[in-house]
């Protein structure tokens, strides 16, 4: 489970068995027993278990800043070539 970033105690990661073609790029976020799954490109909430809407907004705003970096890490990890 590669941890991509940490932010204010949030652990931002993906599972090594979730790459293409199974699912599009996304991250999981954990903190204090709460968890969420967030799609990248565009940033949107796939699942949420426990985070408040305020926390989710903060998380999504943070992910927006690093979306390109996270997608690059995802693509590198799963050996996906960038077609852009």
PDB file of N, CA and C in Angstrom:
ATOM      1  N   UNK A   1       0.849  -1.165   0.000  1.00  0.00           N
ATOM      2  CA  UNK A   1       0.000   0.000   0.000  1.00  0.00           C
ATOM      3  C   UNK A   1       0.903   1.238   0.000  1.00  0.00           C
ATOM      4  N   UNK A   2       1.157   1.803  -1.184  1.00  0.00           N
ATOM      5  CA  UNK A   2       1.999   2.994  -1.263  1.00  0.00           C
ATOM      6  C   UNK A   2       1.318   4.227  -0.663  1.00  0.00           C
ATOM      7  N   UNK A   3       1.981   4.836   0.313  1.00  0.00           N
ATOM      8  CA  UNK A   3       1.499   6.106   0.865  1.00  0.00           C
ATOM      9  C   UNK A   3       2.059   7.202  -0.029  1.00  0.00           C
ATOM     10  N   UNK A   4       1.169   8.000  -0.608  1.00  0.00           N
ATOM     11  CA  UNK A   4       1.561   9.028  -1.567  1.00  0.00           C
ATOM     12  C   UNK A   4       1.902  10.323  -0.848  1.00  0.00           C
ATOM     13  N   UNK A   5       1.053  10.730   0.090  1.00  0.00           N
ATOM     14  CA  UNK A   5       1.239  11.978   0.829  1.00  0.00           C
ATOM     15  C   UNK A   5       0.672  11.821   2.238  1.00  0.00           C
ATOM     16  N   UNK A   6       1.105  12.687   3.113  1.00  0.00           N
ATOM     17  CA  UNK A   6       0.455  12.844   4.409  1.00  0.00           C
ATOM     18  C   UNK A   6       0.181  14.333   4.575  1.00  0.00           C
ATOM     19  N   UNK A   7      -0.913  14.629   5.273  1.00  0.00           N
ATOM     20  CA  UNK A   7      -1.328  16.020   5.428  1.00  0.00           C
ATOM     21  C   UNK A   7      -2.161  16.136   6.693  1.00  0.00           C
ATOM     22  N   UNK A   8      -1.677  16.900   7.656  1.00  0.00           N
ATOM     23  CA  UNK A   8      -2.404  17.145   8.908  1.00  0.00           C
ATOM     24  C   UNK A   8      -2.936  15.851   9.534  1.00  0.00           C
ATOM     25  N   UNK A   9      -2.143  14.815   9.495  1.00  0.00           N
ATOM     26  CA  UNK A   9      -2.550  13.537  10.070  1.00  0.00           C
ATOM     27  C   UNK A   9      -3.340  12.640   9.129  1.00  0.00           C
ATOM     28  N   UNK A  10      -3.719  13.152   7.955  1.00  0.00           N
ATOM     29  CA  UNK A  10      -4.398  12.335   6.953  1.00  0.00           C
ATOM     30  C   UNK A  10      -3.343  11.499   6.229  1.00  0.00           C
ATOM     31  N   UNK A  11      -3.622  10.236   6.058  1.00  0.00           N
ATOM     32  CA  UNK A  11      -2.742   9.347   5.295  1.00  0.00           C
ATOM     33  C   UNK A  11      -3.400   9.159   3.931  1.00  0.00           C
ATOM     34  N   UNK A  12      -2.693   9.513   2.874  1.00  0.00           N
ATOM     35  CA  UNK A  12      -3.217   9.485   1.509  1.00  0.00           C
ATOM     36  C   UNK A  12      -2.456   8.401   0.762  1.00  0.00           C
ATOM     37  N   UNK A  13      -3.177   7.381   0.305  1.00  0.00           N
ATOM     38  CA  UNK A  13      -2.519   6.205  -0.264  1.00  0.00           C
ATOM     39  C   UNK A  13      -3.420   5.522  -1.280  1.00  0.00           C
ATOM     40  N   UNK A  14      -2.852   4.532  -1.950  1.00  0.00           N
ATOM     41  CA  UNK A  14      -3.654   3.641  -2.786  1.00  0.00           C
ATOM     42  C   UNK A  14      -3.183   2.223  -2.547  1.00  0.00           C
ATOM     43  N   UNK A  15      -4.015   1.275  -2.904  1.00  0.00           N
ATOM     44  CA  UNK A  15      -3.674  -0.138  -2.766  1.00  0.00           C
ATOM     45  C   UNK A  15      -2.961  -0.607  -4.021  1.00  0.00           C
ATOM     46  N   UNK A  16      -1.973  -1.454  -3.857  1.00  0.00           N
ATOM     47  CA  UNK A  16      -1.179  -1.901  -5.001  1.00  0.00           C
ATOM     48  C   UNK A  16      -1.944  -2.822  -5.944  1.00  0.00           C
ATOM     49  N   UNK A  17      -3.113  -3.304  -5.549  1.00  0.00           N
ATOM     50  CA  UNK A  17      -3.887  -4.197  -6.422  1.00  0.00           C
ATOM     51  C   UNK A  17      -5.076  -3.497  -7.073  1.00  0.00           C
ATOM     52  N   UNK A  18      -5.114  -2.168  -7.061  1.00  0.00           N
ATOM     53  CA  UNK A  18      -6.264  -1.446  -7.590  1.00  0.00           C
ATOM     54  C   UNK A  18      -5.981  -0.703  -8.889  1.00  0.00           C
ATOM     55  N   UNK A  19      -4.917  -1.021  -9.560  1.00  0.00           N
ATOM     56  CA  UNK A  19      -4.559  -0.286 -10.763  1.00  0.00           C
ATOM     57  C   UNK A  19      -5.420  -0.612 -11.956  1.00  0.00           C
ATOM     58  N   UNK A  20      -5.173   0.118 -12.999  1.00  0.00           N
ATOM     59  CA  UNK A  20      -5.857  -0.083 -14.272  1.00  0.00           C
ATOM     60  C   UNK A  20      -5.588  -1.517 -14.706  1.00  0.00           C
ATOM     61  N   UNK A  21      -6.516  -2.256 -15.252  1.00  0.00           N
ATOM     62  CA  UNK A  21      -7.816  -1.784 -15.703  1.00  0.00           C
ATOM     63  C   UNK A  21      -8.914  -1.882 -14.656  1.00  0.00           C
ATOM     64  N   UNK A  22      -8.580  -2.209 -13.439  1.00  0.00           N
ATOM     65  CA  UNK A  22      -9.628  -2.405 -12.444  1.00  0.00           C
ATOM     66  C   UNK A  22     -10.406  -1.131 -12.146  1.00  0.00           C
ATOM     67  N   UNK A  23      -9.717  -0.069 -11.834  1.00  0.00           N
ATOM     68  CA  UNK A  23     -10.392   1.183 -11.485  1.00  0.00           C
ATOM     69  C   UNK A  23      -9.563   2.367 -11.957  1.00  0.00           C
ATOM     70  N   UNK A  24     -10.217   3.501 -12.209  1.00  0.00           N
ATOM     71  CA  UNK A  24      -9.448   4.710 -12.537  1.00  0.00           C
ATOM     72  C   UNK A  24      -8.654   5.203 -11.329  1.00  0.00           C
ATOM     73  N   UNK A  25      -7.750   6.117 -11.573  1.00  0.00           N
ATOM     74  CA  UNK A  25      -6.888   6.642 -10.515  1.00  0.00           C
ATOM     75  C   UNK A  25      -7.710   7.227  -9.370  1.00  0.00           C
ATOM     76  N   UNK A  26      -7.318   6.842  -8.155  1.00  0.00           N
ATOM     77  CA  UNK A  26      -7.990   7.324  -6.950  1.00  0.00           C
ATOM     78  C   UNK A  26      -7.059   7.132  -5.758  1.00  0.00           C
ATOM     79  N   UNK A  27      -7.418   7.743  -4.650  1.00  0.00           N
ATOM     80  CA  UNK A  27      -6.681   7.557  -3.408  1.00  0.00           C
ATOM     81  C   UNK A  27      -7.651   7.234  -2.289  1.00  0.00           C
ATOM     82  N   UNK A  28      -7.111   6.649  -1.253  1.00  0.00           N
ATOM     83  CA  UNK A  28      -7.835   6.412  -0.014  1.00  0.00           C
ATOM     84  C   UNK A  28      -7.249   7.375   1.006  1.00  0.00           C
ATOM     85  N   UNK A  29      -8.090   7.851   1.894  1.00  0.00           N
ATOM     86  CA  UNK A  29      -7.679   8.792   2.931  1.00  0.00           C
ATOM     87  C   UNK A  29      -8.115   8.199   4.269  1.00  0.00           C
ATOM     88  N   UNK A  30      -7.195   8.115   5.216  1.00  0.00           N
ATOM     89  CA  UNK A  30      -7.519   7.634   6.559  1.00  0.00           C
ATOM     90  C   UNK A  30      -7.049   8.641   7.596  1.00  0.00           C
ATOM     91  N   UNK A  31      -7.842   8.773   8.659  1.00  0.00           N
ATOM     92  CA  UNK A  31      -7.430   9.555   9.821  1.00  0.00           C
ATOM     93  C   UNK A  31      -8.393   9.238  10.965  1.00  0.00           C
ATOM     94  N   UNK A  32      -7.837   8.888  12.094  1.00  0.00           N
ATOM     95  CA  UNK A  32      -8.610   8.709  13.332  1.00  0.00           C
ATOM     96  C   UNK A  32      -9.830   7.797  13.147  1.00  0.00           C
ATOM     97  N   UNK A  33      -9.636   6.677  12.476  1.00  0.00           N
ATOM     98  CA  UNK A  33     -10.714   5.711  12.305  1.00  0.00           C
ATOM     99  C   UNK A  33     -11.712   6.056  11.210  1.00  0.00           C
ATOM    100  N   UNK A  34     -11.498   7.171  10.515  1.00  0.00           N
ATOM    101  CA  UNK A  34     -12.368   7.573   9.403  1.00  0.00           C
ATOM    102  C   UNK A  34     -11.651   7.243   8.096  1.00  0.00           C
ATOM    103  N   UNK A  35     -12.419   6.991   7.051  1.00  0.00           N
ATOM    104  CA  UNK A  35     -11.811   6.664   5.766  1.00  0.00           C
ATOM    105  C   UNK A  35     -12.679   7.157   4.614  1.00  0.00           C
ATOM    106  N   UNK A  36     -12.025   7.472   3.516  1.00  0.00           N
ATOM    107  CA  UNK A  36     -12.730   7.895   2.313  1.00  0.00           C
ATOM    108  C   UNK A  36     -11.945   7.421   1.098  1.00  0.00           C
ATOM    109  N   UNK A  37     -12.654   7.308   0.003  1.00  0.00           N
ATOM    110  CA  UNK A  37     -12.049   6.986  -1.290  1.00  0.00           C
ATOM    111  C   UNK A  37     -12.396   8.152  -2.208  1.00  0.00           C
ATOM    112  N   UNK A  38     -11.367   8.700  -2.863  1.00  0.00           N
ATOM    113  CA  UNK A  38     -11.571   9.879  -3.690  1.00  0.00           C
ATOM    114  C   UNK A  38     -10.995   9.644  -5.079  1.00  0.00           C
ATOM    115  N   UNK A  39     -11.857   9.820  -6.086  1.00  0.00           N
ATOM    116  CA  UNK A  39     -11.428   9.723  -7.479  1.00  0.00           C
ATOM    117  C   UNK A  39     -10.571  10.935  -7.817  1.00  0.00           C
ATOM    118  N   UNK A  40      -9.633  10.725  -8.710  1.00  0.00           N
ATOM    119  CA  UNK A  40      -8.809  11.813  -9.226  1.00  0.00           C
ATOM    120  C   UNK A  40      -9.240  12.096 -10.665  1.00  0.00           C
ATOM    121  N   UNK A  41      -9.039  13.308 -11.102  1.00  0.00           N
ATOM    122  CA  UNK A  41      -9.235  13.671 -12.504  1.00  0.00           C
ATOM    123  C   UNK A  41     -10.629  13.386 -13.025  1.00  0.00           C
ATOM    124  N   UNK A  42     -11.654  14.053 -12.568  1.00  0.00           N
ATOM    125  CA  UNK A  42     -11.641  15.139 -11.595  1.00  0.00           C
ATOM    126  C   UNK A  42     -11.781  14.615 -10.160  1.00  0.00           C
ATOM    127  N   UNK A  43     -11.412  15.457  -9.218  1.00  0.00           N
ATOM    128  CA  UNK A  43     -11.524  15.126  -7.803  1.00  0.00           C
ATOM    129  C   UNK A  43     -13.002  14.980  -7.453  1.00  0.00           C
ATOM    130  N   UNK A  44     -13.378  13.813  -6.942  1.00  0.00           N
ATOM    131  CA  UNK A  44     -14.756  13.595  -6.486  1.00  0.00           C
ATOM    132  C   UNK A  44     -14.771  12.465  -5.464  1.00  0.00           C
ATOM    133  N   UNK A  45     -15.720  12.516  -4.574  1.00  0.00           N
ATOM    134  CA  UNK A  45     -15.795  11.554  -3.476  1.00  0.00           C
ATOM    135  C   UNK A  45     -16.507  10.296  -3.953  1.00  0.00           C
ATOM    136  N   UNK A  46     -15.821   9.163  -3.846  1.00  0.00           N
ATOM    137  CA  UNK A  46     -16.402   7.877  -4.215  1.00  0.00           C
ATOM    138  C   UNK A  46     -17.098   7.251  -3.010  1.00  0.00           C
ATOM    139  N   UNK A  47     -16.440   7.298  -1.848  1.00  0.00           N
ATOM    140  CA  UNK A  47     -16.990   6.730  -0.618  1.00  0.00           C
ATOM    141  C   UNK A  47     -16.506   7.566   0.557  1.00  0.00           C
ATOM    142  N   UNK A  48     -17.315   7.620   1.589  1.00  0.00           N
ATOM    143  CA  UNK A  48     -16.929   8.330   2.808  1.00  0.00           C
ATOM    144  C   UNK A  48     -17.499   7.593   4.008  1.00  0.00           C
ATOM    145  N   UNK A  49     -16.645   7.315   4.954  1.00  0.00           N
ATOM    146  CA  UNK A  49     -17.058   6.674   6.195  1.00  0.00           C
ATOM    147  C   UNK A  49     -16.505   7.480   7.370  1.00  0.00           C
ATOM    148  N   UNK A  50     -17.273   8.509   7.775  1.00  0.00           N
ATOM    149  CA  UNK A  50     -16.951   9.226   8.992  1.00  0.00           C
ATOM    150  C   UNK A  50     -16.465  10.654   8.868  1.00  0.00           C
ATOM    151  N   UNK A  51     -15.939  11.057   7.713  1.00  0.00           N
ATOM    152  CA  UNK A  51     -15.455  12.427   7.585  1.00  0.00           C
ATOM    153  C   UNK A  51     -16.634  13.388   7.452  1.00  0.00           C
ATOM    154  N   UNK A  52     -16.494  14.545   8.072  1.00  0.00           N
ATOM    155  CA  UNK A  52     -17.514  15.587   7.931  1.00  0.00           C
ATOM    156  C   UNK A  52     -17.380  16.234   6.554  1.00  0.00           C
ATOM    157  N   UNK A  53     -18.397  16.958   6.142  1.00  0.00           N
ATOM    158  CA  UNK A  53     -18.326  17.647   4.850  1.00  0.00           C
ATOM    159  C   UNK A  53     -17.212  18.699   4.866  1.00  0.00           C
ATOM    160  N   UNK A  54     -16.967  19.318   6.022  1.00  0.00           N
ATOM    161  CA  UNK A  54     -15.874  20.289   6.134  1.00  0.00           C
ATOM    162  C   UNK A  54     -14.518  19.603   5.919  1.00  0.00           C
ATOM    163  N   UNK A  55     -14.337  18.436   6.536  1.00  0.00           N
ATOM    164  CA  UNK A  55     -13.083  17.695   6.345  1.00  0.00           C
ATOM    165  C   UNK A  55     -12.918  17.276   4.891  1.00  0.00           C
ATOM    166  N   UNK A  56     -13.993  16.790   4.283  1.00  0.00           N
ATOM    167  CA  UNK A  56     -13.917  16.358   2.887  1.00  0.00           C
ATOM    168  C   UNK A  56     -13.559  17.513   1.970  1.00  0.00           C
ATOM    169  N   UNK A  57     -14.109  18.690   2.228  1.00  0.00           N
ATOM    170  CA  UNK A  57     -13.758  19.852   1.410  1.00  0.00           C
ATOM    171  C   UNK A  57     -12.278  20.172   1.555  1.00  0.00           C
ATOM    172  N   UNK A  58     -11.778  20.156   2.790  1.00  0.00           N
ATOM    173  CA  UNK A  58     -10.358  20.429   3.011  1.00  0.00           C
ATOM    174  C   UNK A  58      -9.489  19.387   2.303  1.00  0.00           C
ATOM    175  N   UNK A  59      -9.867  18.125   2.413  1.00  0.00           N
ATOM    176  CA  UNK A  59      -9.115  17.045   1.758  1.00  0.00           C
ATOM    177  C   UNK A  59      -9.134  17.249   0.245  1.00  0.00           C
ATOM    178  N   UNK A  60     -10.304  17.488  -0.318  1.00  0.00           N
ATOM    179  CA  UNK A  60     -10.422  17.654  -1.769  1.00  0.00           C
ATOM    180  C   UNK A  60      -9.648  18.874  -2.251  1.00  0.00           C
ATOM    181  N   UNK A  61      -9.686  19.958  -1.501  1.00  0.00           N
ATOM    182  CA  UNK A  61      -8.911  21.151  -1.863  1.00  0.00           C
ATOM    183  C   UNK A  61      -7.417  20.833  -1.875  1.00  0.00           C
ATOM    184  N   UNK A  62      -6.965  20.080  -0.879  1.00  0.00           N
ATOM    185  CA  UNK A  62      -5.556  19.684  -0.815  1.00  0.00           C
ATOM    186  C   UNK A  62      -5.201  18.784  -1.995  1.00  0.00           C
ATOM    187  N   UNK A  63      -6.047  17.790  -2.262  1.00  0.00           N
ATOM    188  CA  UNK A  63      -5.779  16.875  -3.372  1.00  0.00           C
ATOM    189  C   UNK A  63      -5.750  17.609  -4.703  1.00  0.00           C
ATOM    190  N   UNK A  64      -6.586  18.618  -4.849  1.00  0.00           N
ATOM    191  CA  UNK A  64      -6.612  19.395  -6.090  1.00  0.00           C
ATOM    192  C   UNK A  64      -5.241  19.997  -6.372  1.00  0.00           C
ATOM    193  N   UNK A  65      -4.567  20.478  -5.333  1.00  0.00           N
ATOM    194  CA  UNK A  65      -3.244  21.087  -5.492  1.00  0.00           C
ATOM    195  C   UNK A  65      -2.201  20.072  -5.957  1.00  0.00           C
ATOM    196  N   UNK A  66      -2.368  18.819  -5.555  1.00  0.00           N
ATOM    197  CA  UNK A  66      -1.369  17.786  -5.836  1.00  0.00           C
ATOM    198  C   UNK A  66      -1.870  16.719  -6.795  1.00  0.00           C
ATOM    199  N   UNK A  67      -2.975  16.995  -7.464  1.00  0.00           N
ATOM    200  CA  UNK A  67      -3.589  15.988  -8.339  1.00  0.00           C
ATOM    201  C   UNK A  67      -2.616  15.481  -9.407  1.00  0.00           C
ATOM    202  N   UNK A  68      -1.932  16.378 -10.077  1.00  0.00           N
ATOM    203  CA  UNK A  68      -0.994  15.967 -11.135  1.00  0.00           C
ATOM    204  C   UNK A  68       0.090  15.056 -10.565  1.00  0.00           C
ATOM    205  N   UNK A  69       0.654  15.443  -9.430  1.00  0.00           N
ATOM    206  CA  UNK A  69       1.689  14.629  -8.783  1.00  0.00           C
ATOM    207  C   UNK A  69       1.150  13.248  -8.427  1.00  0.00           C
ATOM    208  N   UNK A  70      -0.031  13.187  -7.821  1.00  0.00           N
ATOM    209  CA  UNK A  70      -0.609  11.909  -7.396  1.00  0.00           C
ATOM    210  C   UNK A  70      -0.873  11.017  -8.602  1.00  0.00           C
ATOM    211  N   UNK A  71      -1.410  11.580  -9.665  1.00  0.00           N
ATOM    212  CA  UNK A  71      -1.671  10.794 -10.880  1.00  0.00           C
ATOM    213  C   UNK A  71      -0.355  10.290 -11.468  1.00  0.00           C
ATOM    214  N   UNK A  72       0.689  11.095 -11.431  1.00  0.00           N
ATOM    215  CA  UNK A  72       2.000  10.639 -11.914  1.00  0.00           C
ATOM    216  C   UNK A  72       2.511   9.466 -11.083  1.00  0.00           C
ATOM    217  N   UNK A  73       2.363   9.550  -9.759  1.00  0.00           N
ATOM    218  CA  UNK A  73       2.784   8.441  -8.893  1.00  0.00           C
ATOM    219  C   UNK A  73       1.968   7.187  -9.228  1.00  0.00           C
ATOM    220  N   UNK A  74       0.655   7.363  -9.395  1.00  0.00           N
ATOM    221  CA  UNK A  74      -0.234   6.240  -9.768  1.00  0.00           C
ATOM    222  C   UNK A  74       0.244   5.610 -11.077  1.00  0.00           C
ATOM    223  N   UNK A  75       0.441   6.444 -12.099  1.00  0.00           N
ATOM    224  CA  UNK A  75       0.846   5.940 -13.406  1.00  0.00           C
ATOM    225  C   UNK A  75       2.197   5.251 -13.360  1.00  0.00           C
ATOM    226  N   UNK A  76       3.147   5.830 -12.629  1.00  0.00           N
ATOM    227  CA  UNK A  76       4.459   5.199 -12.485  1.00  0.00           C
ATOM    228  C   UNK A  76       4.343   3.851 -11.787  1.00  0.00           C
ATOM    229  N   UNK A  77       3.568   3.801 -10.717  1.00  0.00           N
ATOM    230  CA  UNK A  77       3.438   2.568  -9.950  1.00  0.00           C
ATOM    231  C   UNK A  77       2.828   1.445 -10.797  1.00  0.00           C
ATOM    232  N   UNK A  78       1.790   1.788 -11.559  1.00  0.00           N
ATOM    233  CA  UNK A  78       1.097   0.783 -12.350  1.00  0.00           C
ATOM    234  C   UNK A  78       1.611   0.703 -13.790  1.00  0.00           C
ATOM    235  N   UNK A  79       2.740   1.365 -14.074  1.00  0.00           N
ATOM    236  CA  UNK A  79       3.349   1.355 -15.400  1.00  0.00           C
ATOM    237  C   UNK A  79       2.383   1.742 -16.494  1.00  0.00           C
ATOM    238  N   UNK A  80       1.677   2.838 -16.275  1.00  0.00           N
ATOM    239  CA  UNK A  80       0.701   3.335 -17.240  1.00  0.00           C
ATOM    240  C   UNK A  80       1.340   4.508 -17.968  1.00  0.00           C
ATOM    241  N   UNK A  81       1.373   4.443 -19.292  1.00  0.00           N
ATOM    242  CA  UNK A  81       1.954   5.549 -20.034  1.00  0.00           C
ATOM    243  C   UNK A  81       0.952   6.678 -20.142  1.00  0.00           C
ATOM    244  N   UNK A  82       1.446   7.889 -20.061  1.00  0.00           N
ATOM    245  CA  UNK A  82       0.610   9.079 -20.166  1.00  0.00           C
ATOM    246  C   UNK A  82       0.416   9.390 -21.640  1.00  0.00           C
ATOM    247  N   UNK A  83      -0.830   9.395 -22.072  1.00  0.00           N
ATOM    248  CA  UNK A  83      -1.125   9.615 -23.490  1.00  0.00           C
ATOM    249  C   UNK A  83      -1.236  11.083 -23.849  1.00  0.00           C
ATOM    250  N   UNK A  84      -0.970  11.992 -22.892  1.00  0.00           N
ATOM    251  CA  UNK A  84      -1.099  13.434 -23.162  1.00  0.00           C
ATOM    252  C   UNK A  84       0.195  13.978 -23.693  1.00  0.00           C
TER     253      UNK A  84
END
